[in-house]
Amino acid sequence: MKENSLASLVYGEIRKKILANQLTGGSRLAENTWANKLEVSRVAVREALIRLSGEGLVEFGEKGGCFVRSITTEDVKEIRELREILELGALKLLFKHRNKEVIKELEQICGDFSSMVERGYHSGACEADVKFHETLIKGSGNARLMTIYTNSNIPLFHFKLSSSGHVNDYSETDTEHRRIVECLKNNDLEAASQTLLQHLTRGEKLMLEMVLVES
């Protein structure tokens, strides 16, 4: 595989873990560790980290090393506002199209999420959570909206996986996701929108608490 393709592979893997909160703010990204983990050269890792730095997801330290960029309280506010604009808009379009395949896919993701949590595979649950929201956007049928959402690098609102409170967080997330899907099936846009807003507001509150503890 060519070096630029390998760099894209590394980029995709690290980006996915940052957005799923498997790699949290301040986490060090050692080139040799990722090179060994993904069986690629350090050059490929370095190129991926430079690309991620350009997107504001990681930053290089003054004394060397690369770290996941920490989220500030202002970041949390802006992310919550952006998610509300994009996801509520996507939800309205999804109701308009009433794509049964998308609803079926969302139901499957909910099942995957529950299964991951029950087995204690919380990193997998985070990935399923990301996929749920990406599928909402994709279900809008608007390719430009999907591009904006993807390029915005929107992270999850979650406690760190080591936090003692994460189990309750995931339980509420599961309930809210399933309620949104049920509203889709019942063609109840108002209830779905209210649930999504509740979901985003709760996530914002949890994330702010985490940021304040770390600051």
C-alpha atoms as a PDB file:
ATOM      1  CA  MET A   1       0.000   0.000   0.000  1.00  0.00           C
ATOM      2  CA  LYS A   2       1.317   3.469  -0.900  1.00  0.00           C
ATOM      3  CA  GLU A   3       2.531   5.785   1.873  1.00  0.00           C
ATOM      4  CA  ASN A   4      -0.259   8.333   1.334  1.00  0.00           C
ATOM      5  CA  SER A   5      -2.856   5.549   1.573  1.00  0.00           C
ATOM      6  CA  LEU A   6      -1.261   4.329   4.803  1.00  0.00           C
ATOM      7  CA  ALA A   7      -1.323   7.877   6.170  1.00  0.00           C
ATOM      8  CA  SER A   8      -5.046   8.061   5.344  1.00  0.00           C
ATOM      9  CA  LEU A   9      -5.574   4.778   7.185  1.00  0.00           C
ATOM     10  CA  VAL A  10      -3.834   6.138  10.292  1.00  0.00           C
ATOM     11  CA  TYR A  11      -5.713   9.421  10.016  1.00  0.00           C
ATOM     12  CA  GLY A  12      -9.067   7.638   9.854  1.00  0.00           C
ATOM     13  CA  GLU A  13      -8.308   5.381  12.808  1.00  0.00           C
ATOM     14  CA  ILE A  14      -7.081   8.136  15.130  1.00  0.00           C
ATOM     15  CA  ARG A  15      -9.822  10.548  14.057  1.00  0.00           C
ATOM     16  CA  LYS A  16     -12.492   7.929  14.758  1.00  0.00           C
ATOM     17  CA  LYS A  17     -11.145   7.304  18.262  1.00  0.00           C
ATOM     18  CA  ILE A  18     -10.931  11.016  19.071  1.00  0.00           C
ATOM     19  CA  LEU A  19     -14.507  11.685  17.960  1.00  0.00           C
ATOM     20  CA  ALA A  20     -15.734   8.615  19.872  1.00  0.00           C
ATOM     21  CA  ASN A  21     -13.912   9.942  22.966  1.00  0.00           C
ATOM     22  CA  GLN A  22     -11.706   6.855  23.165  1.00  0.00           C
ATOM     23  CA  LEU A  23      -8.787   9.276  22.975  1.00  0.00           C
ATOM     24  CA  THR A  24      -9.497  12.215  25.266  1.00  0.00           C
ATOM     25  CA  GLY A  25      -7.956  15.675  25.581  1.00  0.00           C
ATOM     26  CA  GLY A  26      -4.308  15.599  26.585  1.00  0.00           C
ATOM     27  CA  SER A  27      -3.718  12.013  25.441  1.00  0.00           C
ATOM     28  CA  ARG A  28      -0.242  11.634  23.945  1.00  0.00           C
ATOM     29  CA  LEU A  29      -0.040  10.193  20.440  1.00  0.00           C
ATOM     30  CA  ALA A  30       3.370   8.549  20.176  1.00  0.00           C
ATOM     31  CA  GLU A  31       4.408   7.946  16.570  1.00  0.00           C
ATOM     32  CA  ASN A  32       6.206   4.672  17.255  1.00  0.00           C
ATOM     33  CA  THR A  33       3.245   3.298  19.239  1.00  0.00           C
ATOM     34  CA  TRP A  34       0.778   3.960  16.420  1.00  0.00           C
ATOM     35  CA  ALA A  35       3.228   2.771  13.796  1.00  0.00           C
ATOM     36  CA  ASN A  36       3.530  -0.590  15.583  1.00  0.00           C
ATOM     37  CA  LYS A  37      -0.190  -0.778  16.332  1.00  0.00           C
ATOM     38  CA  LEU A  38      -1.257  -0.243  12.721  1.00  0.00           C
ATOM     39  CA  GLU A  39       1.822  -1.824  11.141  1.00  0.00           C
ATOM     40  CA  VAL A  40       2.792   1.274   9.185  1.00  0.00           C
ATOM     41  CA  SER A  41       5.840   3.534   9.038  1.00  0.00           C
ATOM     42  CA  ARG A  42       6.378   6.470  11.372  1.00  0.00           C
ATOM     43  CA  VAL A  43       6.301   8.693   8.294  1.00  0.00           C
ATOM     44  CA  ALA A  44       2.700   7.642   7.648  1.00  0.00           C
ATOM     45  CA  VAL A  45       1.794   8.364  11.277  1.00  0.00           C
ATOM     46  CA  ARG A  46       3.495  11.742  11.149  1.00  0.00           C
ATOM     47  CA  GLU A  47       1.584  12.719   8.002  1.00  0.00           C
ATOM     48  CA  ALA A  48      -1.696  11.668   9.637  1.00  0.00           C
ATOM     49  CA  LEU A  49      -0.946  13.714  12.775  1.00  0.00           C
ATOM     50  CA  ILE A  50      -0.114  16.793  10.697  1.00  0.00           C
ATOM     51  CA  ARG A  51      -3.457  16.441   8.903  1.00  0.00           C
ATOM     52  CA  LEU A  52      -5.296  16.052  12.217  1.00  0.00           C
ATOM     53  CA  SER A  53      -3.453  19.094  13.560  1.00  0.00           C
ATOM     54  CA  GLY A  54      -4.684  21.114  10.597  1.00  0.00           C
ATOM     55  CA  GLU A  55      -8.247  20.124  11.530  1.00  0.00           C
ATOM     56  CA  GLY A  56      -7.732  21.182  15.147  1.00  0.00           C
ATOM     57  CA  LEU A  57      -8.116  17.705  16.628  1.00  0.00           C
ATOM     58  CA  VAL A  58      -4.516  17.357  17.844  1.00  0.00           C
ATOM     59  CA  GLU A  59      -1.678  19.748  18.685  1.00  0.00           C
ATOM     60  CA  PHE A  60       2.082  19.507  18.841  1.00  0.00           C
ATOM     61  CA  GLY A  61       3.730  20.393  22.161  1.00  0.00           C
ATOM     62  CA  GLU A  62       6.370  23.102  22.484  1.00  0.00           C
ATOM     63  CA  LYS A  63       8.867  20.505  23.709  1.00  0.00           C
ATOM     64  CA  GLY A  64       7.848  17.906  21.162  1.00  0.00           C
ATOM     65  CA  GLY A  65       5.215  15.216  21.080  1.00  0.00           C
ATOM     66  CA  CYS A  66       1.674  15.263  19.762  1.00  0.00           C
ATOM     67  CA  PHE A  67      -1.442  15.387  21.941  1.00  0.00           C
ATOM     68  CA  VAL A  68      -5.213  15.236  21.523  1.00  0.00           C
ATOM     69  CA  ARG A  69      -6.485  18.796  21.804  1.00  0.00           C
ATOM     70  CA  SER A  70      -8.405  19.457  25.008  1.00  0.00           C
ATOM     71  CA  ILE A  71     -11.944  20.817  24.731  1.00  0.00           C
ATOM     72  CA  THR A  72     -12.761  24.141  26.405  1.00  0.00           C
ATOM     73  CA  THR A  73     -16.112  25.269  27.823  1.00  0.00           C
ATOM     74  CA  GLU A  74     -16.514  27.522  24.777  1.00  0.00           C
ATOM     75  CA  ASP A  75     -15.872  24.539  22.487  1.00  0.00           C
ATOM     76  CA  VAL A  76     -18.611  22.582  24.265  1.00  0.00           C
ATOM     77  CA  LYS A  77     -21.111  25.412  23.796  1.00  0.00           C
ATOM     78  CA  GLU A  78     -20.274  25.825  20.112  1.00  0.00           C
ATOM     79  CA  ILE A  79     -20.375  22.072  19.451  1.00  0.00           C
ATOM     80  CA  ARG A  80     -23.779  21.762  21.106  1.00  0.00           C
ATOM     81  CA  GLU A  81     -25.129  24.681  19.028  1.00  0.00           C
ATOM     82  CA  LEU A  82     -23.721  23.234  15.803  1.00  0.00           C
ATOM     83  CA  ARG A  83     -25.099  19.786  16.530  1.00  0.00           C
ATOM     84  CA  GLU A  84     -28.534  21.245  17.230  1.00  0.00           C
ATOM     85  CA  ILE A  85     -28.572  23.125  13.921  1.00  0.00           C
ATOM     86  CA  LEU A  86     -27.324  20.210  11.815  1.00  0.00           C
ATOM     87  CA  GLU A  87     -29.067  17.283  13.504  1.00  0.00           C
ATOM     88  CA  LEU A  88     -32.481  18.916  13.937  1.00  0.00           C
ATOM     89  CA  GLY A  89     -32.350  19.969  10.298  1.00  0.00           C
ATOM     90  CA  ALA A  90     -31.404  16.448   9.263  1.00  0.00           C
ATOM     91  CA  LEU A  91     -34.207  15.011  11.400  1.00  0.00           C
ATOM     92  CA  LYS A  92     -36.793  17.178   9.615  1.00  0.00           C
ATOM     93  CA  LEU A  93     -35.536  15.993   6.228  1.00  0.00           C
ATOM     94  CA  LEU A  94     -35.488  12.384   7.408  1.00  0.00           C
ATOM     95  CA  PHE A  95     -39.149  12.646   8.406  1.00  0.00           C
ATOM     96  CA  LYS A  96     -39.915  14.154   5.030  1.00  0.00           C
ATOM     97  CA  HIS A  97     -38.315  11.266   3.123  1.00  0.00           C
ATOM     98  CA  ARG A  98     -39.499   8.523   5.517  1.00  0.00           C
ATOM     99  CA  ASN A  99     -36.745   6.151   4.379  1.00  0.00           C
ATOM    100  CA  LYS A 100     -37.567   2.771   5.918  1.00  0.00           C
ATOM    101  CA  GLU A 101     -34.053   1.470   5.301  1.00  0.00           C
ATOM    102  CA  VAL A 102     -32.556   4.289   7.362  1.00  0.00           C
ATOM    103  CA  ILE A 103     -34.993   3.638  10.210  1.00  0.00           C
ATOM    104  CA  LYS A 104     -34.085  -0.042  10.077  1.00  0.00           C
ATOM    105  CA  GLU A 105     -30.385   0.856  10.192  1.00  0.00           C
ATOM    106  CA  LEU A 106     -30.948   3.113  13.217  1.00  0.00           C
ATOM    107  CA  GLU A 107     -32.744   0.263  14.998  1.00  0.00           C
ATOM    108  CA  GLN A 108     -29.793  -2.031  14.292  1.00  0.00           C
ATOM    109  CA  ILE A 109     -27.358   0.546  15.663  1.00  0.00           C
ATOM    110  CA  CYS A 110     -29.446   0.793  18.848  1.00  0.00           C
ATOM    111  CA  GLY A 111     -29.188  -2.982  19.197  1.00  0.00           C
ATOM    112  CA  ASP A 112     -25.428  -2.863  18.663  1.00  0.00           C
ATOM    113  CA  PHE A 113     -25.097  -0.082  21.234  1.00  0.00           C
ATOM    114  CA  SER A 114     -27.039  -2.029  23.881  1.00  0.00           C
ATOM    115  CA  SER A 115     -25.045  -5.189  23.192  1.00  0.00           C
ATOM    116  CA  MET A 116     -21.726  -3.361  23.535  1.00  0.00           C
ATOM    117  CA  VAL A 117     -22.729  -1.796  26.859  1.00  0.00           C
ATOM    118  CA  GLU A 118     -24.017  -5.093  28.254  1.00  0.00           C
ATOM    119  CA  ARG A 119     -20.708  -6.787  27.399  1.00  0.00           C
ATOM    120  CA  GLY A 120     -18.697  -3.930  28.884  1.00  0.00           C
ATOM    121  CA  TYR A 121     -17.272  -2.990  25.498  1.00  0.00           C
ATOM    122  CA  HIS A 122     -17.676   0.737  26.016  1.00  0.00           C
ATOM    123  CA  SER A 123     -15.313   1.820  23.251  1.00  0.00           C
ATOM    124  CA  GLY A 124     -17.514  -0.106  20.817  1.00  0.00           C
ATOM    125  CA  ALA A 125     -20.588   1.564  22.324  1.00  0.00           C
ATOM    126  CA  CYS A 126     -19.019   4.962  21.669  1.00  0.00           C
ATOM    127  CA  GLU A 127     -18.442   4.039  18.034  1.00  0.00           C
ATOM    128  CA  ALA A 128     -22.080   2.920  17.756  1.00  0.00           C
ATOM    129  CA  ASP A 129     -23.146   6.252  19.251  1.00  0.00           C
ATOM    130  CA  VAL A 130     -21.148   8.156  16.636  1.00  0.00           C
ATOM    131  CA  LYS A 131     -22.662   5.963  13.923  1.00  0.00           C
ATOM    132  CA  PHE A 132     -26.211   6.680  15.166  1.00  0.00           C
ATOM    133  CA  HIS A 133     -25.794  10.430  14.750  1.00  0.00           C
ATOM    134  CA  GLU A 134     -23.958  10.085  11.440  1.00  0.00           C
ATOM    135  CA  THR A 135     -26.832   7.929  10.174  1.00  0.00           C
ATOM    136  CA  LEU A 136     -29.349  10.610  11.189  1.00  0.00           C
ATOM    137  CA  ILE A 137     -27.421  13.066   9.044  1.00  0.00           C
ATOM    138  CA  LYS A 138     -27.021  10.585   6.182  1.00  0.00           C
ATOM    139  CA  GLY A 139     -30.746   9.826   6.364  1.00  0.00           C
ATOM    140  CA  SER A 140     -31.516  13.416   5.445  1.00  0.00           C
ATOM    141  CA  GLY A 141     -30.586  12.539   1.875  1.00  0.00           C
ATOM    142  CA  ASN A 142     -28.635  15.806   1.607  1.00  0.00           C
ATOM    143  CA  ALA A 143     -25.042  15.122   0.542  1.00  0.00           C
ATOM    144  CA  ARG A 144     -23.906  18.671   1.297  1.00  0.00           C
ATOM    145  CA  LEU A 145     -25.237  18.436   4.848  1.00  0.00           C
ATOM    146  CA  MET A 146     -23.342  15.179   5.321  1.00  0.00           C
ATOM    147  CA  THR A 147     -20.145  16.808   4.047  1.00  0.00           C
ATOM    148  CA  ILE A 148     -20.518  19.739   6.450  1.00  0.00           C
ATOM    149  CA  TYR A 149     -21.156  17.371   9.361  1.00  0.00           C
ATOM    150  CA  THR A 150     -18.165  15.180   8.519  1.00  0.00           C
ATOM    151  CA  ASN A 151     -15.799  18.107   8.009  1.00  0.00           C
ATOM    152  CA  SER A 152     -16.891  19.706  11.287  1.00  0.00           C
ATOM    153  CA  ASN A 153     -15.211  16.909  13.295  1.00  0.00           C
ATOM    154  CA  ILE A 154     -17.954  16.841  15.914  1.00  0.00           C
ATOM    155  CA  PRO A 155     -17.012  14.757  18.992  1.00  0.00           C
ATOM    156  CA  LEU A 156     -19.349  12.868  21.265  1.00  0.00           C
ATOM    157  CA  PHE A 157     -20.542  14.329  24.553  1.00  0.00           C
ATOM    158  CA  HIS A 158     -19.495  11.592  26.967  1.00  0.00           C
ATOM    159  CA  PHE A 159     -17.729  11.028  30.240  1.00  0.00           C
ATOM    160  CA  LYS A 160     -14.343   9.395  29.987  1.00  0.00           C
ATOM    161  CA  LEU A 161     -14.718   5.628  29.886  1.00  0.00           C
ATOM    162  CA  SER A 162     -12.944   5.381  33.240  1.00  0.00           C
ATOM    163  CA  SER A 163     -15.496   7.628  34.910  1.00  0.00           C
ATOM    164  CA  SER A 164     -17.748   5.959  37.449  1.00  0.00           C
ATOM    165  CA  GLY A 165     -20.741   7.774  35.935  1.00  0.00           C
ATOM    166  CA  HIS A 166     -20.473   6.486  32.396  1.00  0.00           C
ATOM    167  CA  VAL A 167     -22.851   3.521  32.840  1.00  0.00           C
ATOM    168  CA  ASN A 168     -25.783   5.800  33.681  1.00  0.00           C
ATOM    169  CA  ASP A 169     -24.839   8.056  30.792  1.00  0.00           C
ATOM    170  CA  TYR A 170     -24.933   5.175  28.329  1.00  0.00           C
ATOM    171  CA  SER A 171     -28.225   3.909  29.718  1.00  0.00           C
ATOM    172  CA  GLU A 172     -29.863   7.294  29.144  1.00  0.00           C
ATOM    173  CA  THR A 173     -28.268   7.553  25.707  1.00  0.00           C
ATOM    174  CA  ASP A 174     -29.740   4.170  24.764  1.00  0.00           C
ATOM    175  CA  THR A 175     -33.199   5.246  25.946  1.00  0.00           C
ATOM    176  CA  GLU A 176     -33.044   8.537  24.049  1.00  0.00           C
ATOM    177  CA  HIS A 177     -31.797   6.926  20.825  1.00  0.00           C
ATOM    178  CA  ARG A 178     -34.580   4.332  20.918  1.00  0.00           C
ATOM    179  CA  ARG A 179     -37.200   7.012  21.609  1.00  0.00           C
ATOM    180  CA  ILE A 180     -36.080   8.956  18.532  1.00  0.00           C
ATOM    181  CA  VAL A 181     -36.385   5.827  16.383  1.00  0.00           C
ATOM    182  CA  GLU A 182     -39.832   5.067  17.815  1.00  0.00           C
ATOM    183  CA  CYS A 183     -40.946   8.613  16.996  1.00  0.00           C
ATOM    184  CA  LEU A 184     -39.681   8.109  13.447  1.00  0.00           C
ATOM    185  CA  LYS A 185     -41.745   4.955  13.120  1.00  0.00           C
ATOM    186  CA  ASN A 186     -44.810   6.770  14.512  1.00  0.00           C
ATOM    187  CA  ASN A 187     -44.229   9.861  12.328  1.00  0.00           C
ATOM    188  CA  ASP A 188     -44.040  12.138  15.397  1.00  0.00           C
ATOM    189  CA  LEU A 189     -41.529  14.850  14.442  1.00  0.00           C
ATOM    190  CA  GLU A 190     -42.265  17.073  17.436  1.00  0.00           C
ATOM    191  CA  ALA A 191     -41.548  14.346  19.994  1.00  0.00           C
ATOM    192  CA  ALA A 192     -38.429  13.241  18.092  1.00  0.00           C
ATOM    193  CA  SER A 193     -37.114  16.817  18.004  1.00  0.00           C
ATOM    194  CA  GLN A 194     -37.763  17.307  21.720  1.00  0.00           C
ATOM    195  CA  THR A 195     -35.970  14.053  22.529  1.00  0.00           C
ATOM    196  CA  LEU A 196     -32.982  15.002  20.379  1.00  0.00           C
ATOM    197  CA  LEU A 197     -32.771  18.414  22.058  1.00  0.00           C
ATOM    198  CA  GLN A 198     -32.943  16.736  25.472  1.00  0.00           C
ATOM    199  CA  HIS A 199     -30.199  14.349  24.389  1.00  0.00           C
ATOM    200  CA  LEU A 200     -27.902  17.152  23.237  1.00  0.00           C
ATOM    201  CA  THR A 201     -28.584  19.317  26.292  1.00  0.00           C
ATOM    202  CA  ARG A 202     -27.822  16.470  28.674  1.00  0.00           C
ATOM    203  CA  GLY A 203     -24.639  15.694  26.810  1.00  0.00           C
ATOM    204  CA  GLU A 204     -23.561  19.334  26.942  1.00  0.00           C
ATOM    205  CA  LYS A 205     -24.078  19.402  30.716  1.00  0.00           C
ATOM    206  CA  LEU A 206     -22.062  16.227  31.269  1.00  0.00           C
ATOM    207  CA  MET A 207     -19.247  17.439  29.041  1.00  0.00           C
ATOM    208  CA  LEU A 208     -19.082  20.814  30.806  1.00  0.00           C
ATOM    209  CA  GLU A 209     -18.820  19.060  34.160  1.00  0.00           C
ATOM    210  CA  MET A 210     -15.931  16.985  32.862  1.00  0.00           C
ATOM    211  CA  VAL A 211     -14.127  20.003  31.375  1.00  0.00           C
ATOM    212  CA  LEU A 212     -14.486  21.985  34.608  1.00  0.00           C
ATOM    213  CA  VAL A 213     -13.084  19.109  36.665  1.00  0.00           C
ATOM    214  CA  GLU A 214     -10.043  18.878  34.384  1.00  0.00           C
ATOM    215  CA  SER A 215      -9.391  22.649  34.286  1.00  0.00           C
END
